[in-house]
Amino acid sequence: MSVFVQPANRGGGNAGAAARLVQKSCDWARTEFGAVWVVLDVRNENTRAIAFYQRLGFADSGIRLPCDADPAGDPHAPGLAEIRMVKRL
């Protein structure tokens, strides 16, 4: 799954549409399933998304995973990896 927000709705810190969407998803996982951790993967070159998730309380777990494919479609592009981030609920 991915999170996408129209450019006009981006920004706004923790009050933005994407932040509300992530927070509601975390709340749902906790109340409906008793989740205590939320885990997500974000591409290592997506510094804006990494900073966004950090502002929401996610931390880098130190785990790196290969990307499924780079933007040009090469599944083995050097340097592309996903950073696993975690948040305790």
PDB file of N, CA and C in Angstrom:
ATOM      1  N   MET A   1       0.842  -1.166   0.000  1.00  0.00           N
ATOM      2  CA  MET A   1       0.000   0.000   0.000  1.00  0.00           C
ATOM      3  C   MET A   1       0.888   1.229   0.000  1.00  0.00           C
ATOM      4  N   SER A   2       0.326   2.307  -0.432  1.00  0.00           N
ATOM      5  CA  SER A   2       1.063   3.562  -0.477  1.00  0.00           C
ATOM      6  C   SER A   2       0.163   4.684   0.011  1.00  0.00           C
ATOM      7  N   VAL A   3       0.789   5.784   0.376  1.00  0.00           N
ATOM      8  CA  VAL A   3       0.049   6.980   0.774  1.00  0.00           C
ATOM      9  C   VAL A   3       0.325   8.044  -0.277  1.00  0.00           C
ATOM     10  N   PHE A   4      -0.730   8.555  -0.879  1.00  0.00           N
ATOM     11  CA  PHE A   4      -0.607   9.627  -1.850  1.00  0.00           C
ATOM     12  C   PHE A   4      -1.615  10.712  -1.492  1.00  0.00           C
ATOM     13  N   VAL A   5      -1.151  11.956  -1.524  1.00  0.00           N
ATOM     14  CA  VAL A   5      -2.011  13.101  -1.243  1.00  0.00           C
ATOM     15  C   VAL A   5      -1.808  14.102  -2.367  1.00  0.00           C
ATOM     16  N   GLN A   6      -2.894  14.660  -2.849  1.00  0.00           N
ATOM     17  CA  GLN A   6      -2.796  15.656  -3.917  1.00  0.00           C
ATOM     18  C   GLN A   6      -1.900  16.800  -3.469  1.00  0.00           C
ATOM     19  N   PRO A   7      -1.109  17.351  -4.402  1.00  0.00           N
ATOM     20  CA  PRO A   7      -0.178  18.426  -4.046  1.00  0.00           C
ATOM     21  C   PRO A   7      -0.825  19.582  -3.278  1.00  0.00           C
ATOM     22  N   ALA A   8      -2.034  19.935  -3.604  1.00  0.00           N
ATOM     23  CA  ALA A   8      -2.700  21.047  -2.921  1.00  0.00           C
ATOM     24  C   ALA A   8      -2.952  20.747  -1.451  1.00  0.00           C
ATOM     25  N   ASN A   9      -2.960  19.458  -1.080  1.00  0.00           N
ATOM     26  CA  ASN A   9      -3.237  19.073   0.307  1.00  0.00           C
ATOM     27  C   ASN A   9      -1.980  18.663   1.064  1.00  0.00           C
ATOM     28  N   ARG A  10      -0.820  18.858   0.472  1.00  0.00           N
ATOM     29  CA  ARG A  10       0.433  18.488   1.127  1.00  0.00           C
ATOM     30  C   ARG A  10       0.878  19.604   2.049  1.00  0.00           C
ATOM     31  N   GLY A  11       1.722  19.231   2.999  1.00  0.00           N
ATOM     32  CA  GLY A  11       2.251  20.222   3.933  1.00  0.00           C
ATOM     33  C   GLY A  11       1.338  20.359   5.131  1.00  0.00           C
ATOM     34  N   GLY A  12       1.537  21.402   5.867  1.00  0.00           N
ATOM     35  CA  GLY A  12       0.683  21.652   7.025  1.00  0.00           C
ATOM     36  C   GLY A  12       1.117  20.913   8.274  1.00  0.00           C
ATOM     37  N   GLY A  13       2.321  20.335   8.276  1.00  0.00           N
ATOM     38  CA  GLY A  13       2.805  19.648   9.469  1.00  0.00           C
ATOM     39  C   GLY A  13       1.878  18.532   9.890  1.00  0.00           C
ATOM     40  N   ASN A  14       1.669  18.388  11.178  1.00  0.00           N
ATOM     41  CA  ASN A  14       0.833  17.303  11.686  1.00  0.00           C
ATOM     42  C   ASN A  14      -0.649  17.518  11.434  1.00  0.00           C
ATOM     43  N   ALA A  15      -1.039  18.677  10.948  1.00  0.00           N
ATOM     44  CA  ALA A  15      -2.455  18.947  10.683  1.00  0.00           C
ATOM     45  C   ALA A  15      -2.833  18.633   9.244  1.00  0.00           C
ATOM     46  N   GLY A  16      -1.860  18.233   8.407  1.00  0.00           N
ATOM     47  CA  GLY A  16      -2.118  17.976   7.000  1.00  0.00           C
ATOM     48  C   GLY A  16      -2.944  16.724   6.772  1.00  0.00           C
ATOM     49  N   ALA A  17      -3.460  16.592   5.563  1.00  0.00           N
ATOM     50  CA  ALA A  17      -4.309  15.459   5.201  1.00  0.00           C
ATOM     51  C   ALA A  17      -3.563  14.132   5.347  1.00  0.00           C
ATOM     52  N   ALA A  18      -2.316  14.074   4.914  1.00  0.00           N
ATOM     53  CA  ALA A  18      -1.556  12.828   5.018  1.00  0.00           C
ATOM     54  C   ALA A  18      -1.320  12.441   6.477  1.00  0.00           C
ATOM     55  N   ALA A  19      -1.023  13.419   7.318  1.00  0.00           N
ATOM     56  CA  ALA A  19      -0.798  13.142   8.740  1.00  0.00           C
ATOM     57  C   ALA A  19      -2.074  12.612   9.389  1.00  0.00           C
ATOM     58  N   ARG A  20      -3.207  13.194   9.038  1.00  0.00           N
ATOM     59  CA  ARG A  20      -4.479  12.714   9.593  1.00  0.00           C
ATOM     60  C   ARG A  20      -4.765  11.295   9.126  1.00  0.00           C
ATOM     61  N   LEU A  21      -4.477  11.009   7.871  1.00  0.00           N
ATOM     62  CA  LEU A  21      -4.689   9.673   7.327  1.00  0.00           C
ATOM     63  C   LEU A  21      -3.826   8.629   8.054  1.00  0.00           C
ATOM     64  N   VAL A  22      -2.556   8.940   8.250  1.00  0.00           N
ATOM     65  CA  VAL A  22      -1.662   8.013   8.953  1.00  0.00           C
ATOM     66  C   VAL A  22      -2.112   7.841  10.399  1.00  0.00           C
ATOM     67  N   GLN A  23      -2.474   8.927  11.071  1.00  0.00           N
ATOM     68  CA  GLN A  23      -2.899   8.826  12.468  1.00  0.00           C
ATOM     69  C   GLN A  23      -4.177   8.004  12.606  1.00  0.00           C
ATOM     70  N   LYS A  24      -5.125   8.223  11.720  1.00  0.00           N
ATOM     71  CA  LYS A  24      -6.364   7.433  11.757  1.00  0.00           C
ATOM     72  C   LYS A  24      -6.074   5.956  11.514  1.00  0.00           C
ATOM     73  N   SER A  25      -5.149   5.661  10.616  1.00  0.00           N
ATOM     74  CA  SER A  25      -4.772   4.268  10.356  1.00  0.00           C
ATOM     75  C   SER A  25      -4.130   3.635  11.579  1.00  0.00           C
ATOM     76  N   CYS A  26      -3.283   4.384  12.261  1.00  0.00           N
ATOM     77  CA  CYS A  26      -2.657   3.879  13.496  1.00  0.00           C
ATOM     78  C   CYS A  26      -3.709   3.649  14.575  1.00  0.00           C
ATOM     79  N   ASP A  27      -4.627   4.584  14.724  1.00  0.00           N
ATOM     80  CA  ASP A  27      -5.703   4.437  15.710  1.00  0.00           C
ATOM     81  C   ASP A  27      -6.543   3.204  15.404  1.00  0.00           C
ATOM     82  N   TRP A  28      -6.873   3.002  14.143  1.00  0.00           N
ATOM     83  CA  TRP A  28      -7.665   1.851  13.717  1.00  0.00           C
ATOM     84  C   TRP A  28      -6.938   0.545  14.023  1.00  0.00           C
ATOM     85  N   ALA A  29      -5.652   0.471  13.719  1.00  0.00           N
ATOM     86  CA  ALA A  29      -4.874  -0.747  13.982  1.00  0.00           C
ATOM     87  C   ALA A  29      -4.845  -1.057  15.474  1.00  0.00           C
ATOM     88  N   ARG A  30      -4.739  -0.017  16.297  1.00  0.00           N
ATOM     89  CA  ARG A  30      -4.695  -0.210  17.752  1.00  0.00           C
ATOM     90  C   ARG A  30      -6.057  -0.646  18.291  1.00  0.00           C
ATOM     91  N   THR A  31      -7.117   0.035  17.904  1.00  0.00           N
ATOM     92  CA  THR A  31      -8.432  -0.263  18.486  1.00  0.00           C
ATOM     93  C   THR A  31      -9.064  -1.524  17.920  1.00  0.00           C
ATOM     94  N   GLU A  32      -8.904  -1.759  16.618  1.00  0.00           N
ATOM     95  CA  GLU A  32      -9.547  -2.916  15.990  1.00  0.00           C
ATOM     96  C   GLU A  32      -8.761  -4.214  16.155  1.00  0.00           C
ATOM     97  N   PHE A  33      -7.439  -4.116  16.224  1.00  0.00           N
ATOM     98  CA  PHE A  33      -6.610  -5.326  16.223  1.00  0.00           C
ATOM     99  C   PHE A  33      -5.674  -5.434  17.414  1.00  0.00           C
ATOM    100  N   GLY A  34      -5.676  -4.428  18.266  1.00  0.00           N
ATOM    101  CA  GLY A  34      -4.788  -4.452  19.421  1.00  0.00           C
ATOM    102  C   GLY A  34      -3.326  -4.287  19.053  1.00  0.00           C
ATOM    103  N   ALA A  35      -3.046  -3.688  17.909  1.00  0.00           N
ATOM    104  CA  ALA A  35      -1.656  -3.498  17.477  1.00  0.00           C
ATOM    105  C   ALA A  35      -0.912  -2.611  18.464  1.00  0.00           C
ATOM    106  N   VAL A  36       0.332  -2.956  18.715  1.00  0.00           N
ATOM    107  CA  VAL A  36       1.182  -2.130  19.569  1.00  0.00           C
ATOM    108  C   VAL A  36       2.305  -1.460  18.776  1.00  0.00           C
ATOM    109  N   TRP A  37       2.538  -1.942  17.567  1.00  0.00           N
ATOM    110  CA  TRP A  37       3.535  -1.365  16.682  1.00  0.00           C
ATOM    111  C   TRP A  37       2.938  -1.188  15.286  1.00  0.00           C
ATOM    112  N   VAL A  38       3.374  -0.153  14.588  1.00  0.00           N
ATOM    113  CA  VAL A  38       3.060   0.028  13.178  1.00  0.00           C
ATOM    114  C   VAL A  38       4.392   0.040  12.445  1.00  0.00           C
ATOM    115  N   VAL A  39       4.440  -0.652  11.324  1.00  0.00           N
ATOM    116  CA  VAL A  39       5.661  -0.772  10.540  1.00  0.00           C
ATOM    117  C   VAL A  39       5.365  -0.287   9.119  1.00  0.00           C
ATOM    118  N   LEU A  40       6.292   0.468   8.543  1.00  0.00           N
ATOM    119  CA  LEU A  40       6.159   0.889   7.153  1.00  0.00           C
ATOM    120  C   LEU A  40       7.528   0.896   6.500  1.00  0.00           C
ATOM    121  N   ASP A  41       7.530   0.845   5.193  1.00  0.00           N
ATOM    122  CA  ASP A  41       8.762   0.911   4.413  1.00  0.00           C
ATOM    123  C   ASP A  41       8.683   2.123   3.500  1.00  0.00           C
ATOM    124  N   VAL A  42       9.786   2.858   3.413  1.00  0.00           N
ATOM    125  CA  VAL A  42       9.844   4.055   2.574  1.00  0.00           C
ATOM    126  C   VAL A  42      11.165   4.044   1.812  1.00  0.00           C
ATOM    127  N   ARG A  43      11.125   4.456   0.559  1.00  0.00           N
ATOM    128  CA  ARG A  43      12.348   4.455  -0.259  1.00  0.00           C
ATOM    129  C   ARG A  43      13.413   5.363   0.341  1.00  0.00           C
ATOM    130  N   ASN A  44      14.640   4.895   0.292  1.00  0.00           N
ATOM    131  CA  ASN A  44      15.739   5.634   0.912  1.00  0.00           C
ATOM    132  C   ASN A  44      15.965   7.001   0.290  1.00  0.00           C
ATOM    133  N   GLU A  45      15.588   7.208  -0.964  1.00  0.00           N
ATOM    134  CA  GLU A  45      15.800   8.517  -1.580  1.00  0.00           C
ATOM    135  C   GLU A  45      14.638   9.482  -1.320  1.00  0.00           C
ATOM    136  N   ASN A  46      13.588   9.026  -0.690  1.00  0.00           N
ATOM    137  CA  ASN A  46      12.413   9.863  -0.445  1.00  0.00           C
ATOM    138  C   ASN A  46      12.562  10.584   0.904  1.00  0.00           C
ATOM    139  N   THR A  47      13.467  11.542   0.929  1.00  0.00           N
ATOM    140  CA  THR A  47      13.790  12.234   2.178  1.00  0.00           C
ATOM    141  C   THR A  47      12.603  13.017   2.737  1.00  0.00           C
ATOM    142  N   ARG A  48      11.762  13.515   1.878  1.00  0.00           N
ATOM    143  CA  ARG A  48      10.575  14.254   2.358  1.00  0.00           C
ATOM    144  C   ARG A  48       9.634  13.324   3.123  1.00  0.00           C
ATOM    145  N   ALA A  49       9.402  12.124   2.596  1.00  0.00           N
ATOM    146  CA  ALA A  49       8.536  11.160   3.280  1.00  0.00           C
ATOM    147  C   ALA A  49       9.173  10.678   4.586  1.00  0.00           C
ATOM    148  N   ILE A  50      10.480  10.455   4.570  1.00  0.00           N
ATOM    149  CA  ILE A  50      11.172  10.015   5.791  1.00  0.00           C
ATOM    150  C   ILE A  50      11.000  11.061   6.884  1.00  0.00           C
ATOM    151  N   ALA A  51      11.212  12.324   6.539  1.00  0.00           N
ATOM    152  CA  ALA A  51      11.050  13.411   7.520  1.00  0.00           C
ATOM    153  C   ALA A  51       9.604  13.499   8.009  1.00  0.00           C
ATOM    154  N   PHE A  52       8.663  13.313   7.098  1.00  0.00           N
ATOM    155  CA  PHE A  52       7.235  13.328   7.460  1.00  0.00           C
ATOM    156  C   PHE A  52       6.934  12.250   8.497  1.00  0.00           C
ATOM    157  N   TYR A  53       7.361  11.019   8.220  1.00  0.00           N
ATOM    158  CA  TYR A  53       7.092   9.925   9.152  1.00  0.00           C
ATOM    159  C   TYR A  53       7.804  10.131  10.483  1.00  0.00           C
ATOM    160  N   GLN A  54       8.995  10.708  10.456  1.00  0.00           N
ATOM    161  CA  GLN A  54       9.693  11.002  11.711  1.00  0.00           C
ATOM    162  C   GLN A  54       8.903  12.009  12.546  1.00  0.00           C
ATOM    163  N   ARG A  55       8.337  13.015  11.896  1.00  0.00           N
ATOM    164  CA  ARG A  55       7.513  13.995  12.631  1.00  0.00           C
ATOM    165  C   ARG A  55       6.297  13.328  13.275  1.00  0.00           C
ATOM    166  N   LEU A  56       5.828  12.230  12.680  1.00  0.00           N
ATOM    167  CA  LEU A  56       4.671  11.512  13.227  1.00  0.00           C
ATOM    168  C   LEU A  56       5.069  10.470  14.265  1.00  0.00           C
ATOM    169  N   GLY A  57       6.347  10.393  14.595  1.00  0.00           N
ATOM    170  CA  GLY A  57       6.796   9.493  15.644  1.00  0.00           C
ATOM    171  C   GLY A  57       7.388   8.178  15.178  1.00  0.00           C
ATOM    172  N   PHE A  58       7.560   8.004  13.868  1.00  0.00           N
ATOM    173  CA  PHE A  58       8.195   6.792  13.350  1.00  0.00           C
ATOM    174  C   PHE A  58       9.706   6.933  13.463  1.00  0.00           C
ATOM    175  N   ALA A  59      10.377   5.807  13.691  1.00  0.00           N
ATOM    176  CA  ALA A  59      11.831   5.797  13.799  1.00  0.00           C
ATOM    177  C   ALA A  59      12.408   4.765  12.835  1.00  0.00           C
ATOM    178  N   ASP A  60      13.614   5.033  12.391  1.00  0.00           N
ATOM    179  CA  ASP A  60      14.336   4.106  11.518  1.00  0.00           C
ATOM    180  C   ASP A  60      14.695   2.867  12.330  1.00  0.00           C
ATOM    181  N   SER A  61      14.302   1.711  11.852  1.00  0.00           N
ATOM    182  CA  SER A  61      14.576   0.453  12.556  1.00  0.00           C
ATOM    183  C   SER A  61      15.982  -0.072  12.283  1.00  0.00           C
ATOM    184  N   GLY A  62      16.651   0.489  11.270  1.00  0.00           N
ATOM    185  CA  GLY A  62      17.953  -0.004  10.858  1.00  0.00           C
ATOM    186  C   GLY A  62      17.865  -1.106   9.808  1.00  0.00           C
ATOM    187  N   ILE A  63      16.669  -1.550   9.493  1.00  0.00           N
ATOM    188  CA  ILE A  63      16.468  -2.605   8.496  1.00  0.00           C
ATOM    189  C   ILE A  63      16.358  -1.971   7.111  1.00  0.00           C
ATOM    190  N   ARG A  64      17.068  -2.545   6.145  1.00  0.00           N
ATOM    191  CA  ARG A  64      16.994  -2.101   4.756  1.00  0.00           C
ATOM    192  C   ARG A  64      16.525  -3.264   3.897  1.00  0.00           C
ATOM    193  N   LEU A  65      15.638  -2.962   2.970  1.00  0.00           N
ATOM    194  CA  LEU A  65      15.082  -3.965   2.077  1.00  0.00           C
ATOM    195  C   LEU A  65      15.283  -3.511   0.641  1.00  0.00           C
ATOM    196  N   PRO A  66      15.440  -4.448  -0.298  1.00  0.00           N
ATOM    197  CA  PRO A  66      15.547  -4.034  -1.699  1.00  0.00           C
ATOM    198  C   PRO A  66      14.212  -3.480  -2.196  1.00  0.00           C
ATOM    199  N   CYS A  67      14.282  -2.472  -3.046  1.00  0.00           N
ATOM    200  CA  CYS A  67      13.066  -1.926  -3.653  1.00  0.00           C
ATOM    201  C   CYS A  67      12.528  -2.907  -4.675  1.00  0.00           C
ATOM    202  N   ASP A  68      11.221  -2.893  -4.859  1.00  0.00           N
ATOM    203  CA  ASP A  68      10.610  -3.715  -5.897  1.00  0.00           C
ATOM    204  C   ASP A  68      11.046  -3.259  -7.279  1.00  0.00           C
ATOM    205  N   ALA A  69      11.094  -1.962  -7.498  1.00  0.00           N
ATOM    206  CA  ALA A  69      11.504  -1.418  -8.793  1.00  0.00           C
ATOM    207  C   ALA A  69      11.826   0.058  -8.624  1.00  0.00           C
ATOM    208  N   ASP A  70      12.725   0.555  -9.438  1.00  0.00           N
ATOM    209  CA  ASP A  70      13.005   1.987  -9.389  1.00  0.00           C
ATOM    210  C   ASP A  70      12.016   2.705 -10.302  1.00  0.00           C
ATOM    211  N   PRO A  71      11.996   4.047 -10.282  1.00  0.00           N
ATOM    212  CA  PRO A  71      11.029   4.778 -11.106  1.00  0.00           C
ATOM    213  C   PRO A  71      11.132   4.463 -12.594  1.00  0.00           C
ATOM    214  N   ALA A  72      12.304   4.047 -13.070  1.00  0.00           N
ATOM    215  CA  ALA A  72      12.462   3.716 -14.489  1.00  0.00           C
ATOM    216  C   ALA A  72      12.093   2.264 -14.770  1.00  0.00           C
ATOM    217  N   GLY A  73      11.729   1.516 -13.738  1.00  0.00           N
ATOM    218  CA  GLY A  73      11.295   0.149 -13.923  1.00  0.00           C
ATOM    219  C   GLY A  73      12.360  -0.910 -13.744  1.00  0.00           C
ATOM    220  N   ASP A  74      13.588  -0.522 -13.379  1.00  0.00           N
ATOM    221  CA  ASP A  74      14.670  -1.487 -13.180  1.00  0.00           C
ATOM    222  C   ASP A  74      14.617  -2.019 -11.752  1.00  0.00           C
ATOM    223  N   PRO A  75      14.251  -3.302 -11.551  1.00  0.00           N
ATOM    224  CA  PRO A  75      14.110  -3.838 -10.202  1.00  0.00           C
ATOM    225  C   PRO A  75      15.437  -4.032  -9.480  1.00  0.00           C
ATOM    226  N   HIS A  76      16.550  -3.863 -10.185  1.00  0.00           N
ATOM    227  CA  HIS A  76      17.854  -4.084  -9.564  1.00  0.00           C
ATOM    228  C   HIS A  76      18.723  -2.833  -9.602  1.00  0.00           C
ATOM    229  N   ALA A  77      18.109  -1.680  -9.597  1.00  0.00           N
ATOM    230  CA  ALA A  77      18.858  -0.431  -9.673  1.00  0.00           C
ATOM    231  C   ALA A  77      19.747  -0.274  -8.446  1.00  0.00           C
ATOM    232  N   PRO A  78      21.020   0.016  -8.652  1.00  0.00           N
ATOM    233  CA  PRO A  78      21.926   0.162  -7.506  1.00  0.00           C
ATOM    234  C   PRO A  78      21.553   1.357  -6.640  1.00  0.00           C
ATOM    235  N   GLY A  79      21.690   1.184  -5.356  1.00  0.00           N
ATOM    236  CA  GLY A  79      21.456   2.282  -4.419  1.00  0.00           C
ATOM    237  C   GLY A  79      20.027   2.432  -3.953  1.00  0.00           C
ATOM    238  N   LEU A  80      19.084   1.741  -4.586  1.00  0.00           N
ATOM    239  CA  LEU A  80      17.708   1.871  -4.156  1.00  0.00           C
ATOM    240  C   LEU A  80      17.391   0.825  -3.101  1.00  0.00           C
ATOM    241  N   ALA A  81      16.868   1.290  -2.012  1.00  0.00           N
ATOM    242  CA  ALA A  81      16.467   0.394  -0.929  1.00  0.00           C
ATOM    243  C   ALA A  81      15.284   1.032  -0.219  1.00  0.00           C
ATOM    244  N   GLU A  82      14.624   0.253   0.582  1.00  0.00           N
ATOM    245  CA  GLU A  82      13.558   0.789   1.422  1.00  0.00           C
ATOM    246  C   GLU A  82      14.017   0.744   2.863  1.00  0.00           C
ATOM    247  N   ILE A  83      13.706   1.796   3.572  1.00  0.00           N
ATOM    248  CA  ILE A  83      14.019   1.904   4.994  1.00  0.00           C
ATOM    249  C   ILE A  83      12.788   1.442   5.756  1.00  0.00           C
ATOM    250  N   ARG A  84      12.958   0.514   6.651  1.00  0.00           N
ATOM    251  CA  ARG A  84      11.839   0.076   7.493  1.00  0.00           C
ATOM    252  C   ARG A  84      11.765   1.006   8.690  1.00  0.00           C
ATOM    253  N   MET A  85      10.594   1.616   8.876  1.00  0.00           N
ATOM    254  CA  MET A  85      10.355   2.522   9.998  1.00  0.00           C
ATOM    255  C   MET A  85       9.292   1.922  10.898  1.00  0.00           C
ATOM    256  N   VAL A  86       9.397   2.205  12.200  1.00  0.00           N
ATOM    257  CA  VAL A  86       8.469   1.645  13.171  1.00  0.00           C
ATOM    258  C   VAL A  86       7.974   2.722  14.122  1.00  0.00           C
ATOM    259  N   LYS A  87       6.778   2.493  14.642  1.00  0.00           N
ATOM    260  CA  LYS A  87       6.194   3.411  15.632  1.00  0.00           C
ATOM    261  C   LYS A  87       5.462   2.584  16.669  1.00  0.00           C
ATOM    262  N   ARG A  88       5.735   2.818  17.922  1.00  0.00           N
ATOM    263  CA  ARG A  88       5.010   2.194  19.016  1.00  0.00           C
ATOM    264  C   ARG A  88       3.713   2.957  19.244  1.00  0.00           C
ATOM    265  N   LEU A  89       2.617   2.252  19.296  1.00  0.00           N
ATOM    266  CA  LEU A  89       1.303   2.898  19.464  1.00  0.00           C
ATOM    267  C   LEU A  89       0.962   3.093  20.936  1.00  0.00           C
TER     268      LEU A  89
END
